[in-house]
Amino acid sequence: MDDAAETLFERIVAGEIPADVVHSDETTFAFRDVNPQARVHVLVVPRKRYRNVGELAAADPDLLAQVLRSCRKVAELEGIADSGYRIVFNTDADAGQTVFHVHAHVLGGEQLGWFGGAAK
C-alpha cells in the first residue's frame, strides 16, 4: 500500500466522490456506508488522515475523542442513541480494514447479533 496516495475517504471528504452525508464538522465527516451491514450503518472519518485507530490514539487522542463524540452525534441524528448502537474500528487487513484511513462504523437501528471469529 502506498501511504502517500490519496484515499477514497479523502476524495469523499473533498467532494470529489458523492456520499450521503449524515454529519460534518471541523474535524470529522460522517456518511452512509455504501454496503450497509445494519439498518443504520454510517462511517465516521477524521478529516486528518491516520492509517488506523491505534495510530490515531497514539498521535492525537483528542482527535480520537472527537471521532467518538461524532459517533454519538450520528447515533442521535439517526434516532438510535437510546435504543443502542455499536461502534467498530477495524484495524489493518486481518481485521477487515480495506480503506487505510481510520474510520468508525456506527451500526444500529435493529437488534445486532454477536460477531467475531475467523472468516470462512
PDB file of N, CA and C in Angstrom:
ATOM      1  N   MET A   1       0.837  -1.187   0.000  1.00  0.00           N
ATOM      2  CA  MET A   1       0.000   0.000   0.000  1.00  0.00           C
ATOM      3  C   MET A   1       0.875   1.241   0.000  1.00  0.00           C
ATOM      4  N   ASP A   2       0.513   2.205  -0.771  1.00  0.00           N
ATOM      5  CA  ASP A   2       1.221   3.483  -0.818  1.00  0.00           C
ATOM      6  C   ASP A   2       0.515   4.452   0.118  1.00  0.00           C
ATOM      7  N   ASP A   3       1.122   4.690   1.299  1.00  0.00           N
ATOM      8  CA  ASP A   3       0.503   5.580   2.279  1.00  0.00           C
ATOM      9  C   ASP A   3       0.410   7.016   1.786  1.00  0.00           C
ATOM     10  N   ALA A   4       1.184   7.379   0.763  1.00  0.00           N
ATOM     11  CA  ALA A   4       1.147   8.749   0.246  1.00  0.00           C
ATOM     12  C   ALA A   4      -0.043   8.962  -0.692  1.00  0.00           C
ATOM     13  N   ALA A   5      -0.571   7.882  -1.247  1.00  0.00           N
ATOM     14  CA  ALA A   5      -1.687   8.004  -2.186  1.00  0.00           C
ATOM     15  C   ALA A   5      -2.938   8.478  -1.456  1.00  0.00           C
ATOM     16  N   GLU A   6      -3.708   9.293  -2.137  1.00  0.00           N
ATOM     17  CA  GLU A   6      -4.955   9.794  -1.565  1.00  0.00           C
ATOM     18  C   GLU A   6      -5.943   8.634  -1.395  1.00  0.00           C
ATOM     19  N   THR A   7      -6.602   8.583  -0.242  1.00  0.00           N
ATOM     20  CA  THR A   7      -7.559   7.508  -0.003  1.00  0.00           C
ATOM     21  C   THR A   7      -8.933   7.862  -0.558  1.00  0.00           C
ATOM     22  N   LEU A   8      -9.750   6.839  -0.700  1.00  0.00           N
ATOM     23  CA  LEU A   8     -11.139   7.011  -1.108  1.00  0.00           C
ATOM     24  C   LEU A   8     -11.841   7.998  -0.175  1.00  0.00           C
ATOM     25  N   PHE A   9     -11.598   7.881   1.121  1.00  0.00           N
ATOM     26  CA  PHE A   9     -12.266   8.760   2.082  1.00  0.00           C
ATOM     27  C   PHE A   9     -11.824  10.207   1.931  1.00  0.00           C
ATOM     28  N   GLU A  10     -10.571  10.441   1.631  1.00  0.00           N
ATOM     29  CA  GLU A  10     -10.117  11.817   1.399  1.00  0.00           C
ATOM     30  C   GLU A  10     -10.839  12.410   0.191  1.00  0.00           C
ATOM     31  N   ARG A  11     -11.075  11.601  -0.815  1.00  0.00           N
ATOM     32  CA  ARG A  11     -11.793  12.077  -2.005  1.00  0.00           C
ATOM     33  C   ARG A  11     -13.269  12.344  -1.694  1.00  0.00           C
ATOM     34  N   ILE A  12     -13.861  11.530  -0.825  1.00  0.00           N
ATOM     35  CA  ILE A  12     -15.249  11.769  -0.407  1.00  0.00           C
ATOM     36  C   ILE A  12     -15.338  13.058   0.397  1.00  0.00           C
ATOM     37  N   VAL A  13     -14.457  13.233   1.366  1.00  0.00           N
ATOM     38  CA  VAL A  13     -14.449  14.448   2.196  1.00  0.00           C
ATOM     39  C   VAL A  13     -14.254  15.688   1.329  1.00  0.00           C
ATOM     40  N   ALA A  14     -13.418  15.578   0.299  1.00  0.00           N
ATOM     41  CA  ALA A  14     -13.147  16.707  -0.600  1.00  0.00           C
ATOM     42  C   ALA A  14     -14.300  16.978  -1.567  1.00  0.00           C
ATOM     43  N   GLY A  15     -15.289  16.099  -1.604  1.00  0.00           N
ATOM     44  CA  GLY A  15     -16.426  16.289  -2.504  1.00  0.00           C
ATOM     45  C   GLY A  15     -16.194  15.764  -3.905  1.00  0.00           C
ATOM     46  N   GLU A  16     -15.089  15.055  -4.121  1.00  0.00           N
ATOM     47  CA  GLU A  16     -14.781  14.504  -5.439  1.00  0.00           C
ATOM     48  C   GLU A  16     -15.619  13.268  -5.752  1.00  0.00           C
ATOM     49  N   ILE A  17     -16.045  12.569  -4.712  1.00  0.00           N
ATOM     50  CA  ILE A  17     -16.889  11.384  -4.851  1.00  0.00           C
ATOM     51  C   ILE A  17     -18.143  11.647  -4.022  1.00  0.00           C
ATOM     52  N   PRO A  18     -19.331  11.456  -4.600  1.00  0.00           N
ATOM     53  CA  PRO A  18     -20.555  11.741  -3.847  1.00  0.00           C
ATOM     54  C   PRO A  18     -20.758  10.766  -2.687  1.00  0.00           C
ATOM     55  N   ALA A  19     -21.399  11.254  -1.643  1.00  0.00           N
ATOM     56  CA  ALA A  19     -21.729  10.434  -0.475  1.00  0.00           C
ATOM     57  C   ALA A  19     -23.000  10.974   0.157  1.00  0.00           C
ATOM     58  N   ASP A  20     -23.689  10.116   0.872  1.00  0.00           N
ATOM     59  CA  ASP A  20     -24.877  10.508   1.627  1.00  0.00           C
ATOM     60  C   ASP A  20     -24.395  10.970   3.002  1.00  0.00           C
ATOM     61  N   VAL A  21     -24.167  12.264   3.134  1.00  0.00           N
ATOM     62  CA  VAL A  21     -23.567  12.839   4.343  1.00  0.00           C
ATOM     63  C   VAL A  21     -24.605  12.908   5.457  1.00  0.00           C
ATOM     64  N   VAL A  22     -24.210  12.449   6.635  1.00  0.00           N
ATOM     65  CA  VAL A  22     -25.065  12.454   7.814  1.00  0.00           C
ATOM     66  C   VAL A  22     -24.671  13.579   8.759  1.00  0.00           C
ATOM     67  N   HIS A  23     -23.370  13.837   8.875  1.00  0.00           N
ATOM     68  CA  HIS A  23     -22.864  14.837   9.818  1.00  0.00           C
ATOM     69  C   HIS A  23     -21.491  15.290   9.339  1.00  0.00           C
ATOM     70  N   SER A  24     -21.203  16.559   9.579  1.00  0.00           N
ATOM     71  CA  SER A  24     -19.900  17.112   9.221  1.00  0.00           C
ATOM     72  C   SER A  24     -19.572  18.221  10.208  1.00  0.00           C
ATOM     73  N   ASP A  25     -18.317  18.256  10.658  1.00  0.00           N
ATOM     74  CA  ASP A  25     -17.858  19.356  11.499  1.00  0.00           C
ATOM     75  C   ASP A  25     -16.406  19.661  11.138  1.00  0.00           C
ATOM     76  N   GLU A  26     -15.748  20.467  11.940  1.00  0.00           N
ATOM     77  CA  GLU A  26     -14.372  20.883  11.623  1.00  0.00           C
ATOM     78  C   GLU A  26     -13.403  19.721  11.506  1.00  0.00           C
ATOM     79  N   THR A  27     -13.597  18.680  12.314  1.00  0.00           N
ATOM     80  CA  THR A  27     -12.603  17.615  12.384  1.00  0.00           C
ATOM     81  C   THR A  27     -13.063  16.266  11.846  1.00  0.00           C
ATOM     82  N   THR A  28     -14.381  16.085  11.685  1.00  0.00           N
ATOM     83  CA  THR A  28     -14.881  14.782  11.241  1.00  0.00           C
ATOM     84  C   THR A  28     -15.918  14.922  10.135  1.00  0.00           C
ATOM     85  N   PHE A  29     -16.138  13.812   9.453  1.00  0.00           N
ATOM     86  CA  PHE A  29     -17.075  13.746   8.334  1.00  0.00           C
ATOM     87  C   PHE A  29     -17.756  12.386   8.426  1.00  0.00           C
ATOM     88  N   ALA A  30     -19.082  12.346   8.411  1.00  0.00           N
ATOM     89  CA  ALA A  30     -19.811  11.085   8.550  1.00  0.00           C
ATOM     90  C   ALA A  30     -20.760  10.889   7.372  1.00  0.00           C
ATOM     91  N   PHE A  31     -20.764   9.685   6.825  1.00  0.00           N
ATOM     92  CA  PHE A  31     -21.592   9.378   5.662  1.00  0.00           C
ATOM     93  C   PHE A  31     -22.018   7.915   5.700  1.00  0.00           C
ATOM     94  N   ARG A  32     -23.116   7.615   5.010  1.00  0.00           N
ATOM     95  CA  ARG A  32     -23.650   6.253   4.993  1.00  0.00           C
ATOM     96  C   ARG A  32     -22.722   5.305   4.222  1.00  0.00           C
ATOM     97  N   ASP A  33     -22.561   4.113   4.773  1.00  0.00           N
ATOM     98  CA  ASP A  33     -21.781   3.067   4.114  1.00  0.00           C
ATOM     99  C   ASP A  33     -22.533   2.621   2.860  1.00  0.00           C
ATOM    100  N   VAL A  34     -21.821   2.432   1.761  1.00  0.00           N
ATOM    101  CA  VAL A  34     -22.465   2.011   0.508  1.00  0.00           C
ATOM    102  C   VAL A  34     -22.861   0.534   0.537  1.00  0.00           C
ATOM    103  N   ASN A  35     -22.335  -0.217   1.497  1.00  0.00           N
ATOM    104  CA  ASN A  35     -22.665  -1.633   1.657  1.00  0.00           C
ATOM    105  C   ASN A  35     -23.083  -1.867   3.111  1.00  0.00           C
ATOM    106  N   PRO A  36     -24.261  -1.361   3.497  1.00  0.00           N
ATOM    107  CA  PRO A  36     -24.638  -1.390   4.913  1.00  0.00           C
ATOM    108  C   PRO A  36     -24.781  -2.802   5.477  1.00  0.00           C
ATOM    109  N   GLN A  37     -24.309  -2.959   6.711  1.00  0.00           N
ATOM    110  CA  GLN A  37     -24.392  -4.230   7.424  1.00  0.00           C
ATOM    111  C   GLN A  37     -25.467  -4.205   8.507  1.00  0.00           C
ATOM    112  N   ALA A  38     -26.196  -3.104   8.604  1.00  0.00           N
ATOM    113  CA  ALA A  38     -27.314  -2.942   9.540  1.00  0.00           C
ATOM    114  C   ALA A  38     -28.230  -1.866   8.963  1.00  0.00           C
ATOM    115  N   ARG A  39     -29.417  -1.713   9.547  1.00  0.00           N
ATOM    116  CA  ARG A  39     -30.333  -0.676   9.047  1.00  0.00           C
ATOM    117  C   ARG A  39     -29.670   0.690   9.057  1.00  0.00           C
ATOM    118  N   VAL A  40     -28.939   0.972  10.126  1.00  0.00           N
ATOM    119  CA  VAL A  40     -28.128   2.191  10.178  1.00  0.00           C
ATOM    120  C   VAL A  40     -26.674   1.751  10.122  1.00  0.00           C
ATOM    121  N   HIS A  41     -25.937   2.260   9.157  1.00  0.00           N
ATOM    122  CA  HIS A  41     -24.503   1.972   9.038  1.00  0.00           C
ATOM    123  C   HIS A  41     -23.838   3.215   8.465  1.00  0.00           C
ATOM    124  N   VAL A  42     -23.213   3.962   9.358  1.00  0.00           N
ATOM    125  CA  VAL A  42     -22.587   5.233   8.997  1.00  0.00           C
ATOM    126  C   VAL A  42     -21.106   5.158   9.334  1.00  0.00           C
ATOM    127  N   LEU A  43     -20.275   5.685   8.455  1.00  0.00           N
ATOM    128  CA  LEU A  43     -18.835   5.767   8.696  1.00  0.00           C
ATOM    129  C   LEU A  43     -18.499   7.163   9.199  1.00  0.00           C
ATOM    130  N   VAL A  44     -17.697   7.227  10.252  1.00  0.00           N
ATOM    131  CA  VAL A  44     -17.226   8.499  10.797  1.00  0.00           C
ATOM    132  C   VAL A  44     -15.719   8.548  10.580  1.00  0.00           C
ATOM    133  N   VAL A  45     -15.276   9.552   9.831  1.00  0.00           N
ATOM    134  CA  VAL A  45     -13.889   9.663   9.383  1.00  0.00           C
ATOM    135  C   VAL A  45     -13.295  10.969   9.899  1.00  0.00           C
ATOM    136  N   PRO A  46     -12.117  10.931  10.517  1.00  0.00           N
ATOM    137  CA  PRO A  46     -11.468  12.208  10.819  1.00  0.00           C
ATOM    138  C   PRO A  46     -10.965  12.829   9.515  1.00  0.00           C
ATOM    139  N   ARG A  47     -11.062  14.128   9.413  1.00  0.00           N
ATOM    140  CA  ARG A  47     -10.577  14.799   8.201  1.00  0.00           C
ATOM    141  C   ARG A  47      -9.067  14.630   8.044  1.00  0.00           C
ATOM    142  N   LYS A  48      -8.356  14.600   9.155  1.00  0.00           N
ATOM    143  CA  LYS A  48      -6.907  14.374   9.117  1.00  0.00           C
ATOM    144  C   LYS A  48      -6.673  12.869   9.038  1.00  0.00           C
ATOM    145  N   ARG A  49      -5.820  12.471   8.129  1.00  0.00           N
ATOM    146  CA  ARG A  49      -5.621  11.051   7.862  1.00  0.00           C
ATOM    147  C   ARG A  49      -4.626  10.397   8.822  1.00  0.00           C
ATOM    148  N   TYR A  50      -5.079   9.293   9.392  1.00  0.00           N
ATOM    149  CA  TYR A  50      -4.234   8.346  10.120  1.00  0.00           C
ATOM    150  C   TYR A  50      -4.585   6.975   9.567  1.00  0.00           C
ATOM    151  N   ARG A  51      -3.636   6.069   9.542  1.00  0.00           N
ATOM    152  CA  ARG A  51      -3.851   4.750   8.937  1.00  0.00           C
ATOM    153  C   ARG A  51      -4.928   3.953   9.672  1.00  0.00           C
ATOM    154  N   ASN A  52      -4.868   3.923  11.002  1.00  0.00           N
ATOM    155  CA  ASN A  52      -5.813   3.118  11.778  1.00  0.00           C
ATOM    156  C   ASN A  52      -6.020   3.732  13.153  1.00  0.00           C
ATOM    157  N   VAL A  53      -6.904   3.152  13.941  1.00  0.00           N
ATOM    158  CA  VAL A  53      -7.253   3.736  15.235  1.00  0.00           C
ATOM    159  C   VAL A  53      -6.084   3.691  16.216  1.00  0.00           C
ATOM    160  N   GLY A  54      -5.226   2.696  16.125  1.00  0.00           N
ATOM    161  CA  GLY A  54      -4.055   2.646  17.001  1.00  0.00           C
ATOM    162  C   GLY A  54      -3.117   3.809  16.737  1.00  0.00           C
ATOM    163  N   GLU A  55      -2.887   4.090  15.467  1.00  0.00           N
ATOM    164  CA  GLU A  55      -2.040   5.222  15.091  1.00  0.00           C
ATOM    165  C   GLU A  55      -2.670   6.536  15.549  1.00  0.00           C
ATOM    166  N   LEU A  56      -3.974   6.678  15.355  1.00  0.00           N
ATOM    167  CA  LEU A  56      -4.672   7.887  15.780  1.00  0.00           C
ATOM    168  C   LEU A  56      -4.594   8.063  17.292  1.00  0.00           C
ATOM    169  N   ALA A  57      -4.835   7.011  18.047  1.00  0.00           N
ATOM    170  CA  ALA A  57      -4.809   7.089  19.511  1.00  0.00           C
ATOM    171  C   ALA A  57      -3.441   7.522  20.023  1.00  0.00           C
ATOM    172  N   ALA A  58      -2.383   7.006  19.403  1.00  0.00           N
ATOM    173  CA  ALA A  58      -1.027   7.356  19.830  1.00  0.00           C
ATOM    174  C   ALA A  58      -0.660   8.783  19.448  1.00  0.00           C
ATOM    175  N   ALA A  59      -1.096   9.220  18.277  1.00  0.00           N
ATOM    176  CA  ALA A  59      -0.678  10.527  17.754  1.00  0.00           C
ATOM    177  C   ALA A  59      -1.564  11.678  18.203  1.00  0.00           C
ATOM    178  N   ASP A  60      -2.871  11.438  18.327  1.00  0.00           N
ATOM    179  CA  ASP A  60      -3.793  12.548  18.590  1.00  0.00           C
ATOM    180  C   ASP A  60      -5.025  12.057  19.359  1.00  0.00           C
ATOM    181  N   PRO A  61      -4.865  11.782  20.663  1.00  0.00           N
ATOM    182  CA  PRO A  61      -6.001  11.281  21.439  1.00  0.00           C
ATOM    183  C   PRO A  61      -7.187  12.242  21.480  1.00  0.00           C
ATOM    184  N   ASP A  62      -6.932  13.538  21.366  1.00  0.00           N
ATOM    185  CA  ASP A  62      -8.042  14.496  21.344  1.00  0.00           C
ATOM    186  C   ASP A  62      -8.890  14.321  20.084  1.00  0.00           C
ATOM    187  N   LEU A  63      -8.251  14.048  18.961  1.00  0.00           N
ATOM    188  CA  LEU A  63      -8.998  13.806  17.728  1.00  0.00           C
ATOM    189  C   LEU A  63      -9.784  12.505  17.828  1.00  0.00           C
ATOM    190  N   LEU A  64      -9.193  11.482  18.438  1.00  0.00           N
ATOM    191  CA  LEU A  64      -9.930  10.236  18.641  1.00  0.00           C
ATOM    192  C   LEU A  64     -11.178  10.494  19.486  1.00  0.00           C
ATOM    193  N   ALA A  65     -11.045  11.301  20.519  1.00  0.00           N
ATOM    194  CA  ALA A  65     -12.210  11.646  21.344  1.00  0.00           C
ATOM    195  C   ALA A  65     -13.268  12.365  20.512  1.00  0.00           C
ATOM    196  N   GLN A  66     -12.836  13.226  19.605  1.00  0.00           N
ATOM    197  CA  GLN A  66     -13.793  13.930  18.746  1.00  0.00           C
ATOM    198  C   GLN A  66     -14.490  12.964  17.790  1.00  0.00           C
ATOM    199  N   VAL A  67     -13.763  11.984  17.283  1.00  0.00           N
ATOM    200  CA  VAL A  67     -14.389  10.962  16.431  1.00  0.00           C
ATOM    201  C   VAL A  67     -15.501  10.258  17.214  1.00  0.00           C
ATOM    202  N   LEU A  68     -15.220   9.917  18.471  1.00  0.00           N
ATOM    203  CA  LEU A  68     -16.232   9.244  19.288  1.00  0.00           C
ATOM    204  C   LEU A  68     -17.414  10.157  19.595  1.00  0.00           C
ATOM    205  N   ARG A  69     -17.160  11.437  19.821  1.00  0.00           N
ATOM    206  CA  ARG A  69     -18.269  12.384  20.012  1.00  0.00           C
ATOM    207  C   ARG A  69     -19.123  12.468  18.742  1.00  0.00           C
ATOM    208  N   SER A  70     -18.474  12.445  17.593  1.00  0.00           N
ATOM    209  CA  SER A  70     -19.217  12.473  16.332  1.00  0.00           C
ATOM    210  C   SER A  70     -20.022  11.194  16.141  1.00  0.00           C
ATOM    211  N   CYS A  71     -19.499  10.064  16.602  1.00  0.00           N
ATOM    212  CA  CYS A  71     -20.271   8.814  16.556  1.00  0.00           C
ATOM    213  C   CYS A  71     -21.547   8.965  17.372  1.00  0.00           C
ATOM    214  N   ARG A  72     -21.430   9.557  18.546  1.00  0.00           N
ATOM    215  CA  ARG A  72     -22.612   9.788  19.386  1.00  0.00           C
ATOM    216  C   ARG A  72     -23.594  10.720  18.669  1.00  0.00           C
ATOM    217  N   LYS A  73     -23.085  11.768  18.037  1.00  0.00           N
ATOM    218  CA  LYS A  73     -23.939  12.707  17.306  1.00  0.00           C
ATOM    219  C   LYS A  73     -24.678  11.988  16.178  1.00  0.00           C
ATOM    220  N   VAL A  74     -23.986  11.133  15.457  1.00  0.00           N
ATOM    221  CA  VAL A  74     -24.610  10.352  14.384  1.00  0.00           C
ATOM    222  C   VAL A  74     -25.731   9.485  14.962  1.00  0.00           C
ATOM    223  N   ALA A  75     -25.461   8.823  16.085  1.00  0.00           N
ATOM    224  CA  ALA A  75     -26.485   7.986  16.715  1.00  0.00           C
ATOM    225  C   ALA A  75     -27.717   8.816  17.071  1.00  0.00           C
ATOM    226  N   GLU A  76     -27.502  10.022  17.575  1.00  0.00           N
ATOM    227  CA  GLU A  76     -28.626  10.908  17.892  1.00  0.00           C
ATOM    228  C   GLU A  76     -29.386  11.292  16.624  1.00  0.00           C
ATOM    229  N   LEU A  77     -28.662  11.695  15.592  1.00  0.00           N
ATOM    230  CA  LEU A  77     -29.296  12.107  14.336  1.00  0.00           C
ATOM    231  C   LEU A  77     -30.077  10.969  13.683  1.00  0.00           C
ATOM    232  N   GLU A  78     -29.588   9.750  13.842  1.00  0.00           N
ATOM    233  CA  GLU A  78     -30.224   8.580  13.231  1.00  0.00           C
ATOM    234  C   GLU A  78     -31.310   7.975  14.116  1.00  0.00           C
ATOM    235  N   GLY A  79     -31.500   8.533  15.313  1.00  0.00           N
ATOM    236  CA  GLY A  79     -32.549   8.053  16.207  1.00  0.00           C
ATOM    237  C   GLY A  79     -32.252   6.738  16.896  1.00  0.00           C
ATOM    238  N   ILE A  80     -30.967   6.407  17.066  1.00  0.00           N
ATOM    239  CA  ILE A  80     -30.603   5.135  17.700  1.00  0.00           C
ATOM    240  C   ILE A  80     -29.822   5.320  18.998  1.00  0.00           C
ATOM    241  N   ALA A  81     -29.668   6.551  19.450  1.00  0.00           N
ATOM    242  CA  ALA A  81     -28.871   6.813  20.652  1.00  0.00           C
ATOM    243  C   ALA A  81     -29.465   6.137  21.886  1.00  0.00           C
ATOM    244  N   ASP A  82     -30.769   6.079  21.977  1.00  0.00           N
ATOM    245  CA  ASP A  82     -31.408   5.490  23.155  1.00  0.00           C
ATOM    246  C   ASP A  82     -31.610   3.984  23.042  1.00  0.00           C
ATOM    247  N   SER A  83     -31.831   3.485  21.830  1.00  0.00           N
ATOM    248  CA  SER A  83     -32.085   2.049  21.660  1.00  0.00           C
ATOM    249  C   SER A  83     -30.799   1.231  21.652  1.00  0.00           C
ATOM    250  N   GLY A  84     -29.689   1.866  21.320  1.00  0.00           N
ATOM    251  CA  GLY A  84     -28.398   1.182  21.324  1.00  0.00           C
ATOM    252  C   GLY A  84     -27.753   1.156  19.956  1.00  0.00           C
ATOM    253  N   TYR A  85     -26.445   1.204  19.968  1.00  0.00           N
ATOM    254  CA  TYR A  85     -25.681   1.179  18.726  1.00  0.00           C
ATOM    255  C   TYR A  85     -24.302   0.616  19.000  1.00  0.00           C
ATOM    256  N   ARG A  86     -23.639   0.222  17.937  1.00  0.00           N
ATOM    257  CA  ARG A  86     -22.295  -0.354  18.023  1.00  0.00           C
ATOM    258  C   ARG A  86     -21.335   0.563  17.287  1.00  0.00           C
ATOM    259  N   ILE A  87     -20.154   0.749  17.874  1.00  0.00           N
ATOM    260  CA  ILE A  87     -19.063   1.466  17.212  1.00  0.00           C
ATOM    261  C   ILE A  87     -17.948   0.456  16.983  1.00  0.00           C
ATOM    262  N   VAL A  88     -17.503   0.335  15.736  1.00  0.00           N
ATOM    263  CA  VAL A  88     -16.462  -0.628  15.379  1.00  0.00           C
ATOM    264  C   VAL A  88     -15.343   0.086  14.638  1.00  0.00           C
ATOM    265  N   PHE A  89     -14.106  -0.210  15.042  1.00  0.00           N
ATOM    266  CA  PHE A  89     -12.915   0.192  14.293  1.00  0.00           C
ATOM    267  C   PHE A  89     -12.224  -1.091  13.843  1.00  0.00           C
ATOM    268  N   ASN A  90     -12.117  -1.329  12.550  1.00  0.00           N
ATOM    269  CA  ASN A  90     -11.314  -2.437  12.039  1.00  0.00           C
ATOM    270  C   ASN A  90      -9.890  -1.918  11.885  1.00  0.00           C
ATOM    271  N   THR A  91      -8.928  -2.654  12.431  1.00  0.00           N
ATOM    272  CA  THR A  91      -7.551  -2.182  12.440  1.00  0.00           C
ATOM    273  C   THR A  91      -6.666  -3.110  11.625  1.00  0.00           C
ATOM    274  N   ASP A  92      -6.346  -2.690  10.435  1.00  0.00           N
ATOM    275  CA  ASP A  92      -5.490  -3.377   9.474  1.00  0.00           C
ATOM    276  C   ASP A  92      -6.201  -4.555   8.800  1.00  0.00           C
ATOM    277  N   ALA A  93      -5.518  -5.143   7.841  1.00  0.00           N
ATOM    278  CA  ALA A  93      -6.141  -6.081   6.900  1.00  0.00           C
ATOM    279  C   ALA A  93      -6.765  -7.307   7.559  1.00  0.00           C
ATOM    280  N   ASP A  94      -6.094  -7.936   8.515  1.00  0.00           N
ATOM    281  CA  ASP A  94      -6.645  -9.147   9.125  1.00  0.00           C
ATOM    282  C   ASP A  94      -7.949  -8.878   9.869  1.00  0.00           C
ATOM    283  N   ALA A  95      -8.179  -7.652  10.273  1.00  0.00           N
ATOM    284  CA  ALA A  95      -9.423  -7.288  10.965  1.00  0.00           C
ATOM    285  C   ALA A  95     -10.507  -6.845   9.987  1.00  0.00           C
ATOM    286  N   GLY A  96     -10.166  -6.752   8.711  1.00  0.00           N
ATOM    287  CA  GLY A  96     -11.155  -6.375   7.707  1.00  0.00           C
ATOM    288  C   GLY A  96     -11.073  -4.938   7.242  1.00  0.00           C
ATOM    289  N   GLN A  97     -10.052  -4.198   7.683  1.00  0.00           N
ATOM    290  CA  GLN A  97      -9.911  -2.815   7.205  1.00  0.00           C
ATOM    291  C   GLN A  97      -9.510  -2.853   5.738  1.00  0.00           C
ATOM    292  N   THR A  98     -10.269  -2.152   4.899  1.00  0.00           N
ATOM    293  CA  THR A  98      -9.977  -2.130   3.467  1.00  0.00           C
ATOM    294  C   THR A  98      -9.588  -0.747   2.969  1.00  0.00           C
ATOM    295  N   VAL A  99      -9.983   0.291   3.688  1.00  0.00           N
ATOM    296  CA  VAL A  99      -9.551   1.655   3.373  1.00  0.00           C
ATOM    297  C   VAL A  99      -8.659   2.086   4.526  1.00  0.00           C
ATOM    298  N   PHE A 100      -7.406   2.385   4.224  1.00  0.00           N
ATOM    299  CA  PHE A 100      -6.428   2.649   5.273  1.00  0.00           C
ATOM    300  C   PHE A 100      -6.376   4.128   5.634  1.00  0.00           C
ATOM    301  N   HIS A 101      -7.534   4.586   6.055  1.00  0.00           N
ATOM    302  CA  HIS A 101      -7.771   5.909   6.634  1.00  0.00           C
ATOM    303  C   HIS A 101      -8.737   5.599   7.771  1.00  0.00           C
ATOM    304  N   VAL A 102      -8.289   5.782   9.007  1.00  0.00           N
ATOM    305  CA  VAL A 102      -9.089   5.361  10.160  1.00  0.00           C
ATOM    306  C   VAL A 102     -10.536   5.822  10.031  1.00  0.00           C
ATOM    307  N   HIS A 103     -11.455   4.927  10.387  1.00  0.00           N
ATOM    308  CA  HIS A 103     -12.877   5.258  10.352  1.00  0.00           C
ATOM    309  C   HIS A 103     -13.626   4.365  11.330  1.00  0.00           C
ATOM    310  N   ALA A 104     -14.632   4.952  11.945  1.00  0.00           N
ATOM    311  CA  ALA A 104     -15.506   4.215  12.847  1.00  0.00           C
ATOM    312  C   ALA A 104     -16.777   3.847  12.101  1.00  0.00           C
ATOM    313  N   HIS A 105     -17.251   2.647  12.335  1.00  0.00           N
ATOM    314  CA  HIS A 105     -18.544   2.212  11.822  1.00  0.00           C
ATOM    315  C   HIS A 105     -19.554   2.390  12.948  1.00  0.00           C
ATOM    316  N   VAL A 106     -20.616   3.137  12.701  1.00  0.00           N
ATOM    317  CA  VAL A 106     -21.718   3.262  13.655  1.00  0.00           C
ATOM    318  C   VAL A 106     -22.859   2.417  13.099  1.00  0.00           C
ATOM    319  N   LEU A 107     -23.227   1.375  13.839  1.00  0.00           N
ATOM    320  CA  LEU A 107     -24.238   0.423  13.389  1.00  0.00           C
ATOM    321  C   LEU A 107     -25.384   0.351  14.388  1.00  0.00           C
ATOM    322  N   GLY A 108     -26.604   0.236  13.880  1.00  0.00           N
ATOM    323  CA  GLY A 108     -27.757   0.105  14.762  1.00  0.00           C
ATOM    324  C   GLY A 108     -29.048   0.115  13.988  1.00  0.00           C
ATOM    325  N   GLY A 109     -30.111   0.484  14.686  1.00  0.00           N
ATOM    326  CA  GLY A 109     -31.426   0.527  14.066  1.00  0.00           C
ATOM    327  C   GLY A 109     -32.145  -0.799  14.073  1.00  0.00           C
ATOM    328  N   GLU A 110     -31.539  -1.805  14.684  1.00  0.00           N
ATOM    329  CA  GLU A 110     -32.117  -3.139  14.791  1.00  0.00           C
ATOM    330  C   GLU A 110     -31.315  -3.904  15.830  1.00  0.00           C
ATOM    331  N   GLN A 111     -31.838  -5.045  16.263  1.00  0.00           N
ATOM    332  CA  GLN A 111     -31.110  -5.910  17.189  1.00  0.00           C
ATOM    333  C   GLN A 111     -29.898  -6.464  16.445  1.00  0.00           C
ATOM    334  N   LEU A 112     -28.709  -6.187  16.951  1.00  0.00           N
ATOM    335  CA  LEU A 112     -27.481  -6.657  16.311  1.00  0.00           C
ATOM    336  C   LEU A 112     -27.045  -7.965  16.953  1.00  0.00           C
ATOM    337  N   GLY A 113     -26.677  -8.923  16.126  1.00  0.00           N
ATOM    338  CA  GLY A 113     -26.175 -10.192  16.635  1.00  0.00           C
ATOM    339  C   GLY A 113     -24.716 -10.067  17.047  1.00  0.00           C
ATOM    340  N   TRP A 114     -24.218 -11.095  17.703  1.00  0.00           N
ATOM    341  CA  TRP A 114     -22.816 -11.150  18.082  1.00  0.00           C
ATOM    342  C   TRP A 114     -21.993 -11.354  16.816  1.00  0.00           C
ATOM    343  N   PHE A 115     -20.769 -10.891  16.832  1.00  0.00           N
ATOM    344  CA  PHE A 115     -19.906 -11.055  15.671  1.00  0.00           C
ATOM    345  C   PHE A 115     -18.536 -11.495  16.146  1.00  0.00           C
ATOM    346  N   GLY A 116     -17.731 -11.936  15.218  1.00  0.00           N
ATOM    347  CA  GLY A 116     -16.374 -12.339  15.561  1.00  0.00           C
ATOM    348  C   GLY A 116     -16.056 -13.685  14.954  1.00  0.00           C
ATOM    349  N   GLY A 117     -14.869 -14.153  15.228  1.00  0.00           N
ATOM    350  CA  GLY A 117     -14.439 -15.425  14.687  1.00  0.00           C
ATOM    351  C   GLY A 117     -13.722 -15.252  13.368  1.00  0.00           C
ATOM    352  N   ALA A 118     -13.124 -16.317  12.929  1.00  0.00           N
ATOM    353  CA  ALA A 118     -12.354 -16.291  11.689  1.00  0.00           C
ATOM    354  C   ALA A 118     -13.282 -16.339  10.483  1.00  0.00           C
ATOM    355  N   ALA A 119     -12.838 -15.731   9.413  1.00  0.00           N
ATOM    356  CA  ALA A 119     -13.583 -15.773   8.152  1.00  0.00           C
ATOM    357  C   ALA A 119     -13.564 -17.196   7.620  1.00  0.00           C
ATOM    358  N   LYS A 120     -14.640 -17.597   7.023  1.00  0.00           N
ATOM    359  CA  LYS A 120     -14.737 -18.961   6.452  1.00  0.00           C
ATOM    360  C   LYS A 120     -14.139 -18.985   5.073  1.00  0.00           C
TER     361      LYS A 120
END
